[in-house]
């Protein structure tokens, strides 16, 4: 794959993603949504984020090792423990930092 094709494909996907999200945000002021729908939409990021984490922890390249020899599992446990006391931003920072440190020293 040459670089021109790669960058045009990347920019095209970014434009389509932006237009889909922006159109929803743009029309959301004009559409009257019930309170239940608004409350439900607030939970979408909170429910999608753990899916990304689970996919990374149980990735095929980690050989599905759900034990303490897998760095991703240890970092996920650290994130879970931090999430009881800290906000989402701190959990992400600590999780990424712990994964980097575990990869370097284990």
N, C-alpha and C. Protein backbone atom coordinates (compact mmCIF):
# COMPACT_ATOMS: atom_id res chain seq x y z
N UNK A 1 0.86 -1.17 0.00
CA UNK A 1 0.00 0.00 0.00
C UNK A 1 0.90 1.23 0.00
N UNK A 2 0.71 2.09 -0.99
CA UNK A 2 1.54 3.28 -1.03
C UNK A 2 1.01 4.35 -0.09
N UNK A 3 1.83 5.35 0.17
CA UNK A 3 1.49 6.34 1.20
C UNK A 3 0.34 7.25 0.77
N UNK A 4 0.22 7.53 -0.50
CA UNK A 4 -0.87 8.40 -0.96
C UNK A 4 -2.22 7.71 -0.73
N UNK A 5 -2.29 6.44 -1.06
CA UNK A 5 -3.53 5.69 -0.83
C UNK A 5 -3.84 5.60 0.66
N UNK A 6 -2.81 5.34 1.46
CA UNK A 6 -3.00 5.23 2.90
C UNK A 6 -3.54 6.53 3.48
N UNK A 7 -2.93 7.66 3.15
CA UNK A 7 -3.36 8.94 3.72
C UNK A 7 -4.72 9.37 3.19
N UNK A 8 -5.01 9.11 1.94
CA UNK A 8 -6.34 9.46 1.42
C UNK A 8 -7.41 8.59 2.07
N UNK A 9 -7.11 7.32 2.29
CA UNK A 9 -8.06 6.45 2.97
C UNK A 9 -8.25 6.88 4.42
N UNK A 10 -7.17 7.23 5.10
CA UNK A 10 -7.26 7.68 6.49
C UNK A 10 -8.06 8.97 6.59
N UNK A 11 -7.78 9.93 5.74
CA UNK A 11 -8.51 11.20 5.76
C UNK A 11 -9.98 11.00 5.38
N UNK A 12 -10.25 10.09 4.45
CA UNK A 12 -11.64 9.81 4.07
C UNK A 12 -12.42 9.19 5.22
N UNK A 13 -11.79 8.25 5.94
CA UNK A 13 -12.46 7.64 7.09
C UNK A 13 -12.67 8.67 8.20
N UNK A 14 -11.69 9.56 8.39
CA UNK A 14 -11.84 10.59 9.41
C UNK A 14 -12.98 11.54 9.04
N UNK A 15 -13.09 11.89 7.76
CA UNK A 15 -14.16 12.79 7.33
C UNK A 15 -15.53 12.15 7.51
N UNK A 16 -15.67 10.88 7.16
CA UNK A 16 -16.95 10.20 7.31
C UNK A 16 -17.31 10.08 8.79
N UNK A 17 -16.34 9.73 9.63
CA UNK A 17 -16.59 9.63 11.07
C UNK A 17 -17.01 10.98 11.64
N UNK A 18 -16.32 12.04 11.23
CA UNK A 18 -16.65 13.37 11.72
C UNK A 18 -18.06 13.78 11.28
N UNK A 19 -18.39 13.53 10.02
CA UNK A 19 -19.71 13.93 9.53
C UNK A 19 -20.83 13.17 10.24
N UNK A 20 -20.63 11.89 10.50
CA UNK A 20 -21.67 11.12 11.19
C UNK A 20 -21.86 11.65 12.60
N UNK A 21 -20.77 11.88 13.31
CA UNK A 21 -20.88 12.36 14.69
C UNK A 21 -21.37 13.80 14.74
N UNK A 22 -20.90 14.64 13.85
CA UNK A 22 -21.31 16.04 13.85
C UNK A 22 -22.78 16.17 13.46
N UNK A 23 -23.25 15.34 12.54
CA UNK A 23 -24.66 15.42 12.15
C UNK A 23 -25.56 15.07 13.33
N UNK A 24 -25.16 14.08 14.11
CA UNK A 24 -25.96 13.71 15.28
C UNK A 24 -25.96 14.83 16.31
N UNK A 25 -24.80 15.43 16.54
CA UNK A 25 -24.72 16.52 17.50
C UNK A 25 -25.49 17.74 16.99
N UNK A 26 -25.41 17.98 15.69
CA UNK A 26 -26.09 19.14 15.10
C UNK A 26 -27.60 19.04 15.16
N UNK A 27 -28.14 17.85 14.95
CA UNK A 27 -29.60 17.71 14.97
C UNK A 27 -30.14 17.41 16.35
N UNK A 28 -29.26 17.15 17.31
CA UNK A 28 -29.76 16.80 18.63
C UNK A 28 -30.47 17.97 19.30
N UNK A 29 -30.10 19.21 18.95
CA UNK A 29 -30.80 20.36 19.51
C UNK A 29 -32.20 20.53 18.92
N UNK A 30 -32.39 20.06 17.70
CA UNK A 30 -33.67 20.23 17.03
C UNK A 30 -34.65 19.10 17.33
N UNK A 31 -34.14 17.98 17.79
CA UNK A 31 -34.99 16.84 18.11
C UNK A 31 -35.28 16.85 19.60
N UNK A 32 -36.53 16.68 19.93
CA UNK A 32 -36.92 16.62 21.34
C UNK A 32 -36.83 15.17 21.80
N UNK A 33 -35.86 14.91 22.64
CA UNK A 33 -35.66 13.55 23.16
C UNK A 33 -36.21 13.48 24.58
N UNK A 34 -36.72 12.31 24.89
CA UNK A 34 -37.24 12.14 26.24
C UNK A 34 -36.08 12.12 27.25
N UNK A 35 -36.43 12.35 28.49
CA UNK A 35 -35.42 12.37 29.55
C UNK A 35 -34.74 11.02 29.68
N UNK A 36 -35.48 9.96 29.45
CA UNK A 36 -34.92 8.61 29.54
C UNK A 36 -33.86 8.38 28.47
N UNK A 37 -34.09 8.85 27.25
CA UNK A 37 -33.11 8.71 26.17
C UNK A 37 -31.86 9.51 26.49
N UNK A 38 -32.02 10.72 27.00
CA UNK A 38 -30.88 11.56 27.35
C UNK A 38 -30.05 10.89 28.45
N UNK A 39 -30.71 10.35 29.46
CA UNK A 39 -29.98 9.65 30.53
C UNK A 39 -29.27 8.42 30.00
N UNK A 40 -29.92 7.71 29.09
CA UNK A 40 -29.31 6.51 28.52
C UNK A 40 -28.09 6.86 27.69
N UNK A 41 -28.15 7.93 26.91
CA UNK A 41 -27.02 8.32 26.08
C UNK A 41 -25.82 8.77 26.90
N UNK A 42 -26.05 9.21 28.12
CA UNK A 42 -24.92 9.59 28.98
C UNK A 42 -24.06 8.40 29.36
N UNK A 43 -24.64 7.20 29.34
CA UNK A 43 -23.90 6.00 29.74
C UNK A 43 -23.18 5.32 28.59
N UNK A 44 -23.32 5.81 27.37
CA UNK A 44 -22.68 5.17 26.22
C UNK A 44 -21.15 5.16 26.35
N UNK A 45 -20.48 6.28 26.64
CA UNK A 45 -19.02 6.22 26.77
C UNK A 45 -18.56 5.30 27.90
N UNK A 46 -19.30 5.27 28.98
CA UNK A 46 -18.93 4.45 30.13
C UNK A 46 -19.05 2.96 29.79
N UNK A 47 -19.97 2.61 28.91
CA UNK A 47 -20.13 1.20 28.56
C UNK A 47 -19.24 0.78 27.40
N UNK A 48 -18.85 1.70 26.56
CA UNK A 48 -18.00 1.36 25.42
C UNK A 48 -16.54 1.23 25.84
N UNK A 49 -16.09 2.04 26.77
CA UNK A 49 -14.69 2.04 27.19
C UNK A 49 -14.24 0.69 27.75
N UNK A 50 -15.01 0.02 28.60
CA UNK A 50 -14.58 -1.31 29.06
C UNK A 50 -14.49 -2.35 27.94
N UNK A 51 -15.26 -2.18 26.89
CA UNK A 51 -15.16 -3.10 25.76
C UNK A 51 -13.79 -3.00 25.11
N UNK A 52 -13.29 -1.79 24.93
CA UNK A 52 -11.96 -1.61 24.36
C UNK A 52 -10.90 -2.25 25.26
N UNK A 53 -11.06 -2.09 26.55
CA UNK A 53 -10.10 -2.67 27.49
C UNK A 53 -10.17 -4.19 27.43
N UNK A 54 -11.36 -4.75 27.42
CA UNK A 54 -11.50 -6.21 27.39
C UNK A 54 -10.92 -6.79 26.10
N UNK A 55 -11.11 -6.11 24.99
CA UNK A 55 -10.55 -6.58 23.73
C UNK A 55 -9.03 -6.60 23.80
N UNK A 56 -8.44 -5.57 24.39
CA UNK A 56 -6.99 -5.53 24.50
C UNK A 56 -6.44 -6.56 25.48
N UNK A 57 -7.13 -6.76 26.58
CA UNK A 57 -6.65 -7.73 27.57
C UNK A 57 -6.76 -9.15 27.03
N UNK A 58 -7.85 -9.46 26.37
CA UNK A 58 -8.08 -10.80 25.85
C UNK A 58 -7.71 -10.93 24.38
N UNK A 59 -6.76 -10.15 23.94
CA UNK A 59 -6.32 -10.14 22.55
C UNK A 59 -5.72 -11.49 22.17
N UNK A 60 -5.78 -11.82 20.90
CA UNK A 60 -5.24 -13.08 20.41
C UNK A 60 -3.73 -13.14 20.62
N UNK A 61 -3.05 -12.00 20.50
CA UNK A 61 -1.60 -11.99 20.63
C UNK A 61 -1.15 -12.18 22.08
N UNK A 62 -2.04 -12.02 23.02
CA UNK A 62 -1.67 -12.29 24.42
C UNK A 62 -1.89 -13.76 24.76
N UNK A 63 -2.24 -14.57 23.77
CA UNK A 63 -2.45 -16.01 23.92
C UNK A 63 -3.52 -16.34 24.95
N UNK A 64 -4.41 -15.42 25.19
CA UNK A 64 -5.52 -15.62 26.11
C UNK A 64 -5.05 -16.10 27.48
N UNK A 65 -3.88 -15.67 27.88
CA UNK A 65 -3.36 -16.05 29.18
C UNK A 65 -3.96 -15.14 30.24
N UNK A 66 -4.94 -15.64 30.92
CA UNK A 66 -5.57 -14.83 31.96
C UNK A 66 -4.94 -15.19 33.30
N UNK A 67 -3.64 -14.89 33.39
CA UNK A 67 -2.91 -15.14 34.62
C UNK A 67 -1.95 -13.97 34.87
N UNK A 68 -1.17 -14.06 35.91
CA UNK A 68 -0.30 -12.95 36.27
C UNK A 68 0.98 -12.90 35.44
N UNK A 69 1.13 -13.76 34.46
CA UNK A 69 2.27 -13.68 33.54
C UNK A 69 1.95 -12.75 32.36
N UNK A 70 0.70 -12.41 32.20
CA UNK A 70 0.26 -11.51 31.13
C UNK A 70 0.28 -10.08 31.67
N UNK A 71 1.08 -9.22 31.07
CA UNK A 71 1.20 -7.84 31.53
C UNK A 71 -0.12 -7.09 31.44
N UNK A 72 -0.90 -7.40 30.43
CA UNK A 72 -2.17 -6.70 30.25
C UNK A 72 -3.16 -7.02 31.37
N UNK A 73 -3.12 -8.24 31.85
CA UNK A 73 -4.01 -8.62 32.94
C UNK A 73 -3.63 -7.88 34.22
N UNK A 74 -2.33 -7.77 34.50
CA UNK A 74 -1.88 -7.05 35.69
C UNK A 74 -2.27 -5.58 35.58
N UNK A 75 -2.06 -4.97 34.41
CA UNK A 75 -2.44 -3.57 34.22
C UNK A 75 -3.96 -3.39 34.36
N UNK A 76 -4.73 -4.36 33.90
CA UNK A 76 -6.19 -4.28 34.04
C UNK A 76 -6.61 -4.36 35.50
N UNK A 77 -5.93 -5.21 36.26
CA UNK A 77 -6.23 -5.31 37.69
C UNK A 77 -5.89 -4.00 38.40
N UNK A 78 -4.76 -3.41 38.03
CA UNK A 78 -4.39 -2.11 38.60
C UNK A 78 -5.44 -1.06 38.26
N UNK A 79 -5.92 -1.05 37.04
CA UNK A 79 -6.97 -0.10 36.64
C UNK A 79 -8.25 -0.31 37.42
N UNK A 80 -8.62 -1.55 37.61
CA UNK A 80 -9.85 -1.84 38.36
C UNK A 80 -9.72 -1.33 39.79
N UNK A 81 -8.58 -1.60 40.42
CA UNK A 81 -8.38 -1.13 41.79
C UNK A 81 -8.37 0.39 41.88
N UNK A 82 -7.77 1.06 40.90
CA UNK A 82 -7.72 2.53 40.90
C UNK A 82 -9.09 3.14 40.62
N UNK A 83 -9.92 2.42 39.88
CA UNK A 83 -11.22 2.99 39.51
C UNK A 83 -12.16 3.13 40.69
N UNK A 84 -11.88 2.43 41.79
CA UNK A 84 -12.73 2.57 42.97
C UNK A 84 -12.53 3.92 43.66
N UNK A 85 -11.36 4.53 43.49
CA UNK A 85 -11.06 5.78 44.18
C UNK A 85 -10.85 6.98 43.26
N UNK A 86 -10.40 6.73 42.03
CA UNK A 86 -9.99 7.83 41.16
C UNK A 86 -10.95 8.00 39.99
N UNK A 87 -10.83 9.13 39.32
CA UNK A 87 -11.64 9.42 38.14
C UNK A 87 -11.11 8.71 36.91
N UNK A 88 -11.86 8.78 35.82
CA UNK A 88 -11.54 8.06 34.60
C UNK A 88 -10.20 8.48 34.01
N UNK A 89 -9.92 9.77 34.02
CA UNK A 89 -8.66 10.25 33.45
C UNK A 89 -7.47 9.65 34.20
N UNK A 90 -7.53 9.62 35.52
CA UNK A 90 -6.43 9.06 36.31
C UNK A 90 -6.31 7.56 36.11
N UNK A 91 -7.43 6.90 35.93
CA UNK A 91 -7.39 5.45 35.68
C UNK A 91 -6.69 5.17 34.36
N UNK A 92 -6.98 5.96 33.34
CA UNK A 92 -6.34 5.78 32.05
C UNK A 92 -4.84 6.06 32.15
N UNK A 93 -4.47 7.13 32.82
CA UNK A 93 -3.05 7.48 32.96
C UNK A 93 -2.31 6.40 33.73
N UNK A 94 -2.86 5.94 34.83
CA UNK A 94 -2.22 4.91 35.63
C UNK A 94 -2.18 3.58 34.87
N UNK A 95 -3.23 3.26 34.14
CA UNK A 95 -3.25 2.02 33.38
C UNK A 95 -2.21 1.99 32.28
N UNK A 96 -2.11 3.08 31.52
CA UNK A 96 -1.11 3.14 30.46
C UNK A 96 0.30 3.13 31.05
N UNK A 97 0.50 3.89 32.13
CA UNK A 97 1.82 3.91 32.78
C UNK A 97 2.21 2.55 33.32
N UNK A 98 1.27 1.88 33.96
CA UNK A 98 1.59 0.56 34.51
C UNK A 98 1.88 -0.44 33.40
N UNK A 99 1.17 -0.36 32.29
CA UNK A 99 1.43 -1.27 31.18
C UNK A 99 2.81 -1.01 30.58
N UNK A 100 3.18 0.25 30.44
CA UNK A 100 4.52 0.58 29.92
C UNK A 100 5.60 0.07 30.87
N UNK A 101 5.41 0.32 32.16
CA UNK A 101 6.40 -0.13 33.14
C UNK A 101 6.49 -1.67 33.20
N UNK A 102 5.35 -2.33 33.14
CA UNK A 102 5.36 -3.80 33.16
C UNK A 102 6.04 -4.37 31.93
N UNK A 103 5.83 -3.76 30.78
CA UNK A 103 6.49 -4.22 29.57
C UNK A 103 7.99 -4.01 29.61
N UNK A 104 8.43 -2.94 30.29
CA UNK A 104 9.85 -2.64 30.37
C UNK A 104 10.59 -3.53 31.35
N UNK A 105 9.96 -3.83 32.49
CA UNK A 105 10.68 -4.49 33.57
C UNK A 105 10.32 -5.95 33.79
N UNK A 106 9.34 -6.46 33.10
CA UNK A 106 9.00 -7.89 33.28
C UNK A 106 9.36 -8.68 32.04
